[in-house]
Amino acid sequence: MGHLDHAAFGWLTPVLSYAMACTGAALGLRCTVRALGATGRSRRNWLITAASAIGTGIWTMHFVAMLGFAVSGTDIRYDVPLTVLSLLVAMVVVCAGVFAVGHSRDRTRALLLGGLTTGVGVASMHYLGMAAVRLHGDVSYDPTLVAVSVLIAVVAATAALWAALNIKSPIAVTVASLVMGAAVSSMHYTGMFAVSVHVTPSGAALPGATAMQFIFPLAVGLGSYLFLTSAFVALSPTTGEREASASAQQPVESGAGRRPAPTA
């Protein structure tokens, strides 16, 4: 049995992965708030941005945490196509949940259905990412801990969608994103604690890419996307600000269009 280390770099990867999850959650919530105040194409664009932010945050959290995953007695490689597929799964399922809540008239039903779909999808992303791991040995899972991790994912996804519908103020969004980040991290590490590895020593080369060759550059790129998009959203005026600006300019424009009355 190989010894599993979930934090080979100490607290660096758990803390950084938590920060990624919180950033994605905060950005997703802010974008959803903007979407609910918009209509038509603008609402669709904000919902797509929200889904991409939350999905990217969850996936980046998972694989930043995986940078600290090590097993004694074997190297670790990652299957590139499966890893990319796990990212697409995260994006698609979160997008489905966000759009269900953003467009449905029966929001309670949409919340429950969207939370279940998104939670199962997030869990699928996690275990698909684990299926991409290549090492010398056999990987097995504790069924009870797997079930608990899926339950945490569903609850976290439902809470995230509920927050997107009901939380508006920046302070409340910050608190909600911290809680959501903790929930996503808990789901990940619960799933990781379910893992057992029976190492079979071998000198054969493992297929796939190392974490530093593939996971690290991709995680850095997606993390940069989150921070740049956060800056864009922070600088973008809200619907209320645009309406206030338009109403402030209207009297000036109407007054400017008048001609002075002729004098006798």
C-alpha atoms as a PDB file:
ATOM      1  CA  MET A   1       0.000   0.000   0.000  1.00  0.00           C
ATOM      2  CA  GLY A   2       1.487   3.323  -1.050  1.00  0.00           C
ATOM      3  CA  HIS A   3       1.532   6.236   1.370  1.00  0.00           C
ATOM      4  CA  LEU A   4      -0.613   9.108   0.076  1.00  0.00           C
ATOM      5  CA  ASP A   5       0.428  12.695   0.688  1.00  0.00           C
ATOM      6  CA  HIS A   6      -2.271  15.255  -0.091  1.00  0.00           C
ATOM      7  CA  ALA A   7      -0.090  18.266   0.706  1.00  0.00           C
ATOM      8  CA  ALA A   8       3.389  17.510  -0.578  1.00  0.00           C
ATOM      9  CA  PHE A   9       4.181  21.251  -0.624  1.00  0.00           C
ATOM     10  CA  GLY A  10       2.747  21.904   2.820  1.00  0.00           C
ATOM     11  CA  TRP A  11      -0.092  24.384   3.151  1.00  0.00           C
ATOM     12  CA  LEU A  12       0.692  26.069  -0.177  1.00  0.00           C
ATOM     13  CA  THR A  13      -1.576  23.964  -2.413  1.00  0.00           C
ATOM     14  CA  PRO A  14      -4.567  23.714  -0.008  1.00  0.00           C
ATOM     15  CA  VAL A  15      -4.563  27.471   0.612  1.00  0.00           C
ATOM     16  CA  LEU A  16      -4.025  28.385  -3.045  1.00  0.00           C
ATOM     17  CA  SER A  17      -6.690  25.954  -4.228  1.00  0.00           C
ATOM     18  CA  TYR A  18      -9.153  27.386  -1.685  1.00  0.00           C
ATOM     19  CA  ALA A  19      -8.381  30.887  -2.967  1.00  0.00           C
ATOM     20  CA  MET A  20      -9.131  29.746  -6.526  1.00  0.00           C
ATOM     21  CA  ALA A  21     -12.465  28.242  -5.470  1.00  0.00           C
ATOM     22  CA  CYS A  22     -13.443  31.432  -3.603  1.00  0.00           C
ATOM     23  CA  THR A  23     -12.433  33.662  -6.516  1.00  0.00           C
ATOM     24  CA  GLY A  24     -14.473  31.632  -8.996  1.00  0.00           C
ATOM     25  CA  ALA A  25     -17.468  31.590  -6.659  1.00  0.00           C
ATOM     26  CA  ALA A  26     -17.336  35.337  -5.982  1.00  0.00           C
ATOM     27  CA  LEU A  27     -17.015  36.177  -9.665  1.00  0.00           C
ATOM     28  CA  GLY A  28     -19.807  33.773 -10.592  1.00  0.00           C
ATOM     29  CA  LEU A  29     -22.145  35.266  -7.994  1.00  0.00           C
ATOM     30  CA  ARG A  30     -21.452  38.829  -9.111  1.00  0.00           C
ATOM     31  CA  CYS A  31     -22.055  37.900 -12.750  1.00  0.00           C
ATOM     32  CA  THR A  32     -25.309  36.137 -11.860  1.00  0.00           C
ATOM     33  CA  VAL A  33     -26.494  39.218  -9.975  1.00  0.00           C
ATOM     34  CA  ARG A  34     -25.758  41.272 -13.097  1.00  0.00           C
ATOM     35  CA  ALA A  35     -27.572  38.695 -15.257  1.00  0.00           C
ATOM     36  CA  LEU A  36     -30.747  38.791 -13.152  1.00  0.00           C
ATOM     37  CA  GLY A  37     -30.858  42.565 -13.606  1.00  0.00           C
ATOM     38  CA  ALA A  38     -30.445  42.344 -17.383  1.00  0.00           C
ATOM     39  CA  THR A  39     -32.509  41.037 -20.278  1.00  0.00           C
ATOM     40  CA  GLY A  40     -31.992  39.419 -23.665  1.00  0.00           C
ATOM     41  CA  ARG A  41     -28.478  38.974 -24.975  1.00  0.00           C
ATOM     42  CA  SER A  42     -26.952  40.823 -22.030  1.00  0.00           C
ATOM     43  CA  ARG A  43     -28.458  38.321 -19.562  1.00  0.00           C
ATOM     44  CA  ARG A  44     -27.198  35.404 -21.629  1.00  0.00           C
ATOM     45  CA  ASN A  45     -23.676  36.819 -21.754  1.00  0.00           C
ATOM     46  CA  TRP A  46     -23.583  37.440 -18.013  1.00  0.00           C
ATOM     47  CA  LEU A  47     -24.843  33.898 -17.317  1.00  0.00           C
ATOM     48  CA  ILE A  48     -22.169  32.423 -19.605  1.00  0.00           C
ATOM     49  CA  THR A  49     -19.516  34.448 -17.802  1.00  0.00           C
ATOM     50  CA  ALA A  50     -20.879  33.315 -14.423  1.00  0.00           C
ATOM     51  CA  ALA A  51     -20.854  29.656 -15.467  1.00  0.00           C
ATOM     52  CA  SER A  52     -17.342  29.865 -16.885  1.00  0.00           C
ATOM     53  CA  ALA A  53     -16.100  31.574 -13.711  1.00  0.00           C
ATOM     54  CA  ILE A  54     -17.606  29.029 -11.322  1.00  0.00           C
ATOM     55  CA  GLY A  55     -16.594  26.058 -13.500  1.00  0.00           C
ATOM     56  CA  THR A  56     -13.062  27.386 -13.929  1.00  0.00           C
ATOM     57  CA  GLY A  57     -12.762  28.064 -10.214  1.00  0.00           C
ATOM     58  CA  ILE A  58     -13.858  24.539  -9.295  1.00  0.00           C
ATOM     59  CA  TRP A  59     -11.595  22.866 -11.847  1.00  0.00           C
ATOM     60  CA  THR A  60      -8.598  25.045 -10.954  1.00  0.00           C
ATOM     61  CA  MET A  61      -9.184  24.338  -7.271  1.00  0.00           C
ATOM     62  CA  HIS A  62      -9.137  20.599  -7.950  1.00  0.00           C
ATOM     63  CA  PHE A  63      -5.945  20.514  -9.963  1.00  0.00           C
ATOM     64  CA  VAL A  64      -4.040  23.072  -7.895  1.00  0.00           C
ATOM     65  CA  ALA A  65      -4.778  20.777  -4.964  1.00  0.00           C
ATOM     66  CA  MET A  66      -3.605  17.831  -7.089  1.00  0.00           C
ATOM     67  CA  LEU A  67      -0.206  19.517  -7.477  1.00  0.00           C
ATOM     68  CA  GLY A  68       0.332  18.550  -3.847  1.00  0.00           C
ATOM     69  CA  PHE A  69      -0.778  14.932  -4.352  1.00  0.00           C
ATOM     70  CA  ALA A  70       1.996  12.351  -4.151  1.00  0.00           C
ATOM     71  CA  VAL A  71       2.196   8.586  -3.644  1.00  0.00           C
ATOM     72  CA  SER A  72       5.292   6.945  -2.199  1.00  0.00           C
ATOM     73  CA  GLY A  73       6.922   4.375  -4.473  1.00  0.00           C
ATOM     74  CA  THR A  74       5.603   5.695  -7.780  1.00  0.00           C
ATOM     75  CA  ASP A  75       5.649   8.706 -10.041  1.00  0.00           C
ATOM     76  CA  ILE A  76       2.377  10.316 -11.164  1.00  0.00           C
ATOM     77  CA  ARG A  77       1.359  11.340 -14.662  1.00  0.00           C
ATOM     78  CA  TYR A  78      -1.882  12.732 -16.087  1.00  0.00           C
ATOM     79  CA  ASP A  79      -3.784  11.689 -19.193  1.00  0.00           C
ATOM     80  CA  VAL A  80      -4.124  14.973 -21.102  1.00  0.00           C
ATOM     81  CA  PRO A  81      -7.400  14.296 -23.023  1.00  0.00           C
ATOM     82  CA  LEU A  82      -9.195  13.096 -19.879  1.00  0.00           C
ATOM     83  CA  THR A  83      -7.953  16.097 -17.915  1.00  0.00           C
ATOM     84  CA  VAL A  84      -9.216  18.507 -20.572  1.00  0.00           C
ATOM     85  CA  LEU A  85     -12.519  16.594 -20.699  1.00  0.00           C
ATOM     86  CA  SER A  86     -12.911  17.074 -16.938  1.00  0.00           C
ATOM     87  CA  LEU A  87     -12.604  20.845 -17.490  1.00  0.00           C
ATOM     88  CA  LEU A  88     -15.301  20.760 -20.197  1.00  0.00           C
ATOM     89  CA  VAL A  89     -17.588  18.726 -17.914  1.00  0.00           C
ATOM     90  CA  ALA A  90     -17.195  21.329 -15.166  1.00  0.00           C
ATOM     91  CA  MET A  91     -18.057  24.130 -17.580  1.00  0.00           C
ATOM     92  CA  VAL A  92     -21.080  22.391 -19.127  1.00  0.00           C
ATOM     93  CA  VAL A  93     -22.756  21.240 -15.909  1.00  0.00           C
ATOM     94  CA  VAL A  94     -22.303  24.577 -14.154  1.00  0.00           C
ATOM     95  CA  CYS A  95     -23.627  26.357 -17.253  1.00  0.00           C
ATOM     96  CA  ALA A  96     -26.698  24.102 -17.237  1.00  0.00           C
ATOM     97  CA  GLY A  97     -27.390  24.834 -13.570  1.00  0.00           C
ATOM     98  CA  VAL A  98     -26.872  28.593 -13.896  1.00  0.00           C
ATOM     99  CA  PHE A  99     -29.073  28.861 -16.995  1.00  0.00           C
ATOM    100  CA  ALA A 100     -31.791  26.748 -15.365  1.00  0.00           C
ATOM    101  CA  VAL A 101     -31.948  29.161 -12.447  1.00  0.00           C
ATOM    102  CA  GLY A 102     -31.462  32.283 -14.548  1.00  0.00           C
ATOM    103  CA  HIS A 103     -34.312  31.582 -16.993  1.00  0.00           C
ATOM    104  CA  SER A 104     -36.813  29.418 -15.118  1.00  0.00           C
ATOM    105  CA  ARG A 105     -40.045  30.909 -13.780  1.00  0.00           C
ATOM    106  CA  ASP A 106     -40.402  28.224 -11.091  1.00  0.00           C
ATOM    107  CA  ARG A 107     -37.171  29.026  -9.295  1.00  0.00           C
ATOM    108  CA  THR A 108     -37.644  26.550  -6.436  1.00  0.00           C
ATOM    109  CA  ARG A 109     -37.893  23.638  -8.853  1.00  0.00           C
ATOM    110  CA  ALA A 110     -35.042  25.023 -10.951  1.00  0.00           C
ATOM    111  CA  LEU A 111     -32.917  25.438  -7.832  1.00  0.00           C
ATOM    112  CA  LEU A 112     -33.386  21.841  -6.738  1.00  0.00           C
ATOM    113  CA  LEU A 113     -32.942  20.380 -10.213  1.00  0.00           C
ATOM    114  CA  GLY A 114     -30.029  22.689 -11.029  1.00  0.00           C
ATOM    115  CA  GLY A 115     -28.333  21.969  -7.700  1.00  0.00           C
ATOM    116  CA  LEU A 116     -28.640  18.215  -8.200  1.00  0.00           C
ATOM    117  CA  THR A 117     -27.413  18.347 -11.803  1.00  0.00           C
ATOM    118  CA  THR A 118     -24.550  20.702 -11.048  1.00  0.00           C
ATOM    119  CA  GLY A 119     -23.482  18.840  -7.909  1.00  0.00           C
ATOM    120  CA  VAL A 120     -23.382  15.467  -9.649  1.00  0.00           C
ATOM    121  CA  GLY A 121     -21.544  17.113 -12.537  1.00  0.00           C
ATOM    122  CA  VAL A 122     -18.931  18.637 -10.223  1.00  0.00           C
ATOM    123  CA  ALA A 123     -18.409  15.268  -8.568  1.00  0.00           C
ATOM    124  CA  SER A 124     -18.109  13.692 -12.021  1.00  0.00           C
ATOM    125  CA  MET A 125     -15.472  16.279 -12.898  1.00  0.00           C
ATOM    126  CA  HIS A 126     -13.516  15.353  -9.774  1.00  0.00           C
ATOM    127  CA  TYR A 127     -13.562  11.604 -10.381  1.00  0.00           C
ATOM    128  CA  LEU A 128     -12.952  12.044 -14.095  1.00  0.00           C
ATOM    129  CA  GLY A 129      -9.886  14.059 -13.144  1.00  0.00           C
ATOM    130  CA  MET A 130      -8.835  11.235 -10.821  1.00  0.00           C
ATOM    131  CA  ALA A 131      -9.361   8.740 -13.660  1.00  0.00           C
ATOM    132  CA  ALA A 132      -6.753  10.743 -15.584  1.00  0.00           C
ATOM    133  CA  VAL A 133      -4.100   9.879 -12.976  1.00  0.00           C
ATOM    134  CA  ARG A 134      -1.494   7.388 -14.173  1.00  0.00           C
ATOM    135  CA  LEU A 135       0.785   5.619 -11.680  1.00  0.00           C
ATOM    136  CA  HIS A 136       2.422   2.251 -11.009  1.00  0.00           C
ATOM    137  CA  GLY A 137      -0.334   0.495  -9.103  1.00  0.00           C
ATOM    138  CA  ASP A 138      -4.071   0.159  -8.626  1.00  0.00           C
ATOM    139  CA  VAL A 139      -6.377   2.899  -7.329  1.00  0.00           C
ATOM    140  CA  SER A 140      -9.437   2.007  -5.245  1.00  0.00           C
ATOM    141  CA  TYR A 141     -12.084   4.077  -3.445  1.00  0.00           C
ATOM    142  CA  ASP A 142     -13.998   3.893  -0.173  1.00  0.00           C
ATOM    143  CA  PRO A 143     -17.664   3.857  -1.343  1.00  0.00           C
ATOM    144  CA  THR A 144     -18.923   5.622   1.800  1.00  0.00           C
ATOM    145  CA  LEU A 145     -16.525   8.554   1.428  1.00  0.00           C
ATOM    146  CA  VAL A 146     -17.307   8.758  -2.297  1.00  0.00           C
ATOM    147  CA  ALA A 147     -21.022   9.031  -1.489  1.00  0.00           C
ATOM    148  CA  VAL A 148     -20.302  11.708   1.135  1.00  0.00           C
ATOM    149  CA  SER A 149     -18.221  13.700  -1.373  1.00  0.00           C
ATOM    150  CA  VAL A 150     -21.059  13.581  -3.928  1.00  0.00           C
ATOM    151  CA  LEU A 151     -23.544  14.718  -1.260  1.00  0.00           C
ATOM    152  CA  ILE A 152     -21.259  17.628  -0.344  1.00  0.00           C
ATOM    153  CA  ALA A 153     -21.026  18.571  -4.032  1.00  0.00           C
ATOM    154  CA  VAL A 154     -24.821  18.601  -4.433  1.00  0.00           C
ATOM    155  CA  VAL A 155     -25.353  20.654  -1.273  1.00  0.00           C
ATOM    156  CA  ALA A 156     -22.583  23.087  -2.256  1.00  0.00           C
ATOM    157  CA  ALA A 157     -23.988  23.496  -5.776  1.00  0.00           C
ATOM    158  CA  THR A 158     -27.521  24.070  -4.483  1.00  0.00           C
ATOM    159  CA  ALA A 159     -26.252  26.612  -1.955  1.00  0.00           C
ATOM    160  CA  ALA A 160     -24.293  28.373  -4.705  1.00  0.00           C
ATOM    161  CA  LEU A 161     -27.342  28.665  -6.955  1.00  0.00           C
ATOM    162  CA  TRP A 162     -29.493  29.818  -4.036  1.00  0.00           C
ATOM    163  CA  ALA A 163     -26.912  32.485  -3.212  1.00  0.00           C
ATOM    164  CA  ALA A 164     -26.897  33.589  -6.838  1.00  0.00           C
ATOM    165  CA  LEU A 165     -30.658  34.198  -6.642  1.00  0.00           C
ATOM    166  CA  ASN A 166     -30.882  35.796  -3.221  1.00  0.00           C
ATOM    167  CA  ILE A 167     -27.621  37.559  -2.409  1.00  0.00           C
ATOM    168  CA  LYS A 168     -27.024  41.015  -3.841  1.00  0.00           C
ATOM    169  CA  SER A 169     -24.728  43.080  -1.613  1.00  0.00           C
ATOM    170  CA  PRO A 170     -20.926  42.863  -2.106  1.00  0.00           C
ATOM    171  CA  ILE A 171     -20.334  41.928   1.554  1.00  0.00           C
ATOM    172  CA  ALA A 172     -22.877  39.104   1.390  1.00  0.00           C
ATOM    173  CA  VAL A 173     -21.331  37.870  -1.872  1.00  0.00           C
ATOM    174  CA  THR A 174     -17.895  37.820  -0.223  1.00  0.00           C
ATOM    175  CA  VAL A 175     -19.158  35.789   2.737  1.00  0.00           C
ATOM    176  CA  ALA A 176     -21.052  33.406   0.449  1.00  0.00           C
ATOM    177  CA  SER A 177     -17.984  32.884  -1.757  1.00  0.00           C
ATOM    178  CA  LEU A 178     -15.850  32.019   1.290  1.00  0.00           C
ATOM    179  CA  VAL A 179     -18.438  29.444   2.383  1.00  0.00           C
ATOM    180  CA  MET A 180     -18.740  28.037  -1.136  1.00  0.00           C
ATOM    181  CA  GLY A 181     -14.961  27.810  -1.449  1.00  0.00           C
ATOM    182  CA  ALA A 182     -14.836  25.848   1.809  1.00  0.00           C
ATOM    183  CA  ALA A 183     -17.600  23.527   0.568  1.00  0.00           C
ATOM    184  CA  VAL A 184     -15.839  22.832  -2.747  1.00  0.00           C
ATOM    185  CA  SER A 185     -12.530  22.217  -0.957  1.00  0.00           C
ATOM    186  CA  SER A 186     -14.268  19.889   1.502  1.00  0.00           C
ATOM    187  CA  MET A 187     -15.760  17.929  -1.380  1.00  0.00           C
ATOM    188  CA  HIS A 188     -12.349  17.584  -3.021  1.00  0.00           C
ATOM    189  CA  TYR A 189     -10.463  16.413   0.052  1.00  0.00           C
ATOM    190  CA  THR A 190     -13.281  14.085   1.121  1.00  0.00           C
ATOM    191  CA  GLY A 191     -12.998  12.475  -2.307  1.00  0.00           C
ATOM    192  CA  MET A 192      -9.210  12.309  -1.967  1.00  0.00           C
ATOM    193  CA  PHE A 193      -9.417  10.667   1.457  1.00  0.00           C
ATOM    194  CA  ALA A 194     -11.545   7.980  -0.207  1.00  0.00           C
ATOM    195  CA  VAL A 195      -8.542   7.009  -2.358  1.00  0.00           C
ATOM    196  CA  SER A 196      -6.285   4.035  -1.655  1.00  0.00           C
ATOM    197  CA  VAL A 197      -3.363   3.043  -3.857  1.00  0.00           C
ATOM    198  CA  HIS A 198      -1.735  -0.385  -4.030  1.00  0.00           C
ATOM    199  CA  VAL A 199       1.663   0.335  -5.542  1.00  0.00           C
ATOM    200  CA  THR A 200       3.245  -2.123  -7.968  1.00  0.00           C
ATOM    201  CA  PRO A 201       6.918  -1.122  -8.371  1.00  0.00           C
ATOM    202  CA  SER A 202       7.953  -0.900 -11.995  1.00  0.00           C
ATOM    203  CA  GLY A 203      10.697   0.690 -14.032  1.00  0.00           C
ATOM    204  CA  ALA A 204       8.446   1.236 -17.047  1.00  0.00           C
ATOM    205  CA  ALA A 205       7.777   4.788 -18.185  1.00  0.00           C
ATOM    206  CA  LEU A 206       4.329   6.100 -17.360  1.00  0.00           C
ATOM    207  CA  PRO A 207       2.181   7.590 -20.142  1.00  0.00           C
ATOM    208  CA  GLY A 208       0.899  11.134 -19.916  1.00  0.00           C
ATOM    209  CA  ALA A 209       2.292  14.449 -18.696  1.00  0.00           C
ATOM    210  CA  THR A 210       3.632  15.452 -15.305  1.00  0.00           C
ATOM    211  CA  ALA A 211       1.733  17.971 -13.207  1.00  0.00           C
ATOM    212  CA  MET A 212       4.343  20.660 -13.843  1.00  0.00           C
ATOM    213  CA  GLN A 213       4.344  20.021 -17.591  1.00  0.00           C
ATOM    214  CA  PHE A 214       0.596  20.287 -18.066  1.00  0.00           C
ATOM    215  CA  ILE A 215      -1.504  20.935 -14.948  1.00  0.00           C
ATOM    216  CA  PHE A 216       0.534  23.848 -13.607  1.00  0.00           C
ATOM    217  CA  PRO A 217       0.600  25.948 -16.826  1.00  0.00           C
ATOM    218  CA  LEU A 218      -3.111  25.325 -17.440  1.00  0.00           C
ATOM    219  CA  ALA A 219      -4.015  26.187 -13.839  1.00  0.00           C
ATOM    220  CA  VAL A 220      -1.972  29.403 -14.059  1.00  0.00           C
ATOM    221  CA  GLY A 221      -3.713  30.342 -17.321  1.00  0.00           C
ATOM    222  CA  LEU A 222      -7.194  29.714 -15.914  1.00  0.00           C
ATOM    223  CA  GLY A 223      -6.310  31.496 -12.682  1.00  0.00           C
ATOM    224  CA  SER A 224      -5.227  34.515 -14.727  1.00  0.00           C
ATOM    225  CA  TYR A 225      -8.553  34.394 -16.569  1.00  0.00           C
ATOM    226  CA  LEU A 226     -10.402  34.522 -13.234  1.00  0.00           C
ATOM    227  CA  PHE A 227      -8.475  37.526 -11.960  1.00  0.00           C
ATOM    228  CA  LEU A 228      -8.703  39.462 -15.245  1.00  0.00           C
ATOM    229  CA  THR A 229     -12.437  38.781 -15.530  1.00  0.00           C
ATOM    230  CA  SER A 230     -12.859  39.852 -11.893  1.00  0.00           C
ATOM    231  CA  ALA A 231     -11.214  43.174 -12.736  1.00  0.00           C
ATOM    232  CA  PHE A 232     -13.504  43.610 -15.760  1.00  0.00           C
ATOM    233  CA  VAL A 233     -16.638  42.903 -13.715  1.00  0.00           C
ATOM    234  CA  ALA A 234     -15.505  45.223 -10.933  1.00  0.00           C
ATOM    235  CA  LEU A 235     -14.991  48.076 -13.406  1.00  0.00           C
ATOM    236  CA  SER A 236     -18.170  47.379 -15.405  1.00  0.00           C
ATOM    237  CA  PRO A 237     -21.139  49.579 -14.331  1.00  0.00           C
ATOM    238  CA  THR A 238     -24.165  47.842 -12.881  1.00  0.00           C
ATOM    239  CA  THR A 239     -27.668  48.186 -14.307  1.00  0.00           C
ATOM    240  CA  GLY A 240     -28.566  50.647 -11.556  1.00  0.00           C
ATOM    241  CA  GLU A 241     -25.489  52.749 -12.266  1.00  0.00           C
ATOM    242  CA  ARG A 242     -26.276  52.858 -15.996  1.00  0.00           C
ATOM    243  CA  GLU A 243     -29.882  53.857 -15.314  1.00  0.00           C
ATOM    244  CA  ALA A 244     -28.765  56.574 -12.898  1.00  0.00           C
ATOM    245  CA  SER A 245     -26.267  57.873 -15.441  1.00  0.00           C
ATOM    246  CA  ALA A 246     -28.904  57.920 -18.192  1.00  0.00           C
ATOM    247  CA  SER A 247     -31.439  59.750 -16.019  1.00  0.00           C
ATOM    248  CA  ALA A 248     -28.794  62.280 -14.988  1.00  0.00           C
ATOM    249  CA  GLN A 249     -27.921  63.012 -18.611  1.00  0.00           C
ATOM    250  CA  GLN A 250     -31.514  63.206 -19.879  1.00  0.00           C
ATOM    251  CA  PRO A 251     -32.394  66.712 -18.549  1.00  0.00           C
ATOM    252  CA  VAL A 252     -29.111  68.056 -19.843  1.00  0.00           C
ATOM    253  CA  GLU A 253     -29.693  66.601 -23.292  1.00  0.00           C
ATOM    254  CA  SER A 254     -33.309  67.803 -23.442  1.00  0.00           C
ATOM    255  CA  GLY A 255     -32.273  71.262 -22.284  1.00  0.00           C
ATOM    256  CA  ALA A 256     -29.461  71.409 -24.802  1.00  0.00           C
ATOM    257  CA  GLY A 257     -31.895  70.748 -27.641  1.00  0.00           C
ATOM    258  CA  ARG A 258     -34.062  73.810 -26.883  1.00  0.00           C
ATOM    259  CA  ARG A 259     -33.600  77.092 -28.739  1.00  0.00           C
ATOM    260  CA  PRO A 260     -33.812  80.366 -26.874  1.00  0.00           C
ATOM    261  CA  ALA A 261     -37.074  82.265 -27.359  1.00  0.00           C
ATOM    262  CA  PRO A 262     -36.805  85.227 -29.734  1.00  0.00           C
ATOM    263  CA  THR A 263     -36.628  88.606 -28.120  1.00  0.00           C
ATOM    264  CA  ALA A 264     -38.953  91.446 -29.051  1.00  0.00           C
END
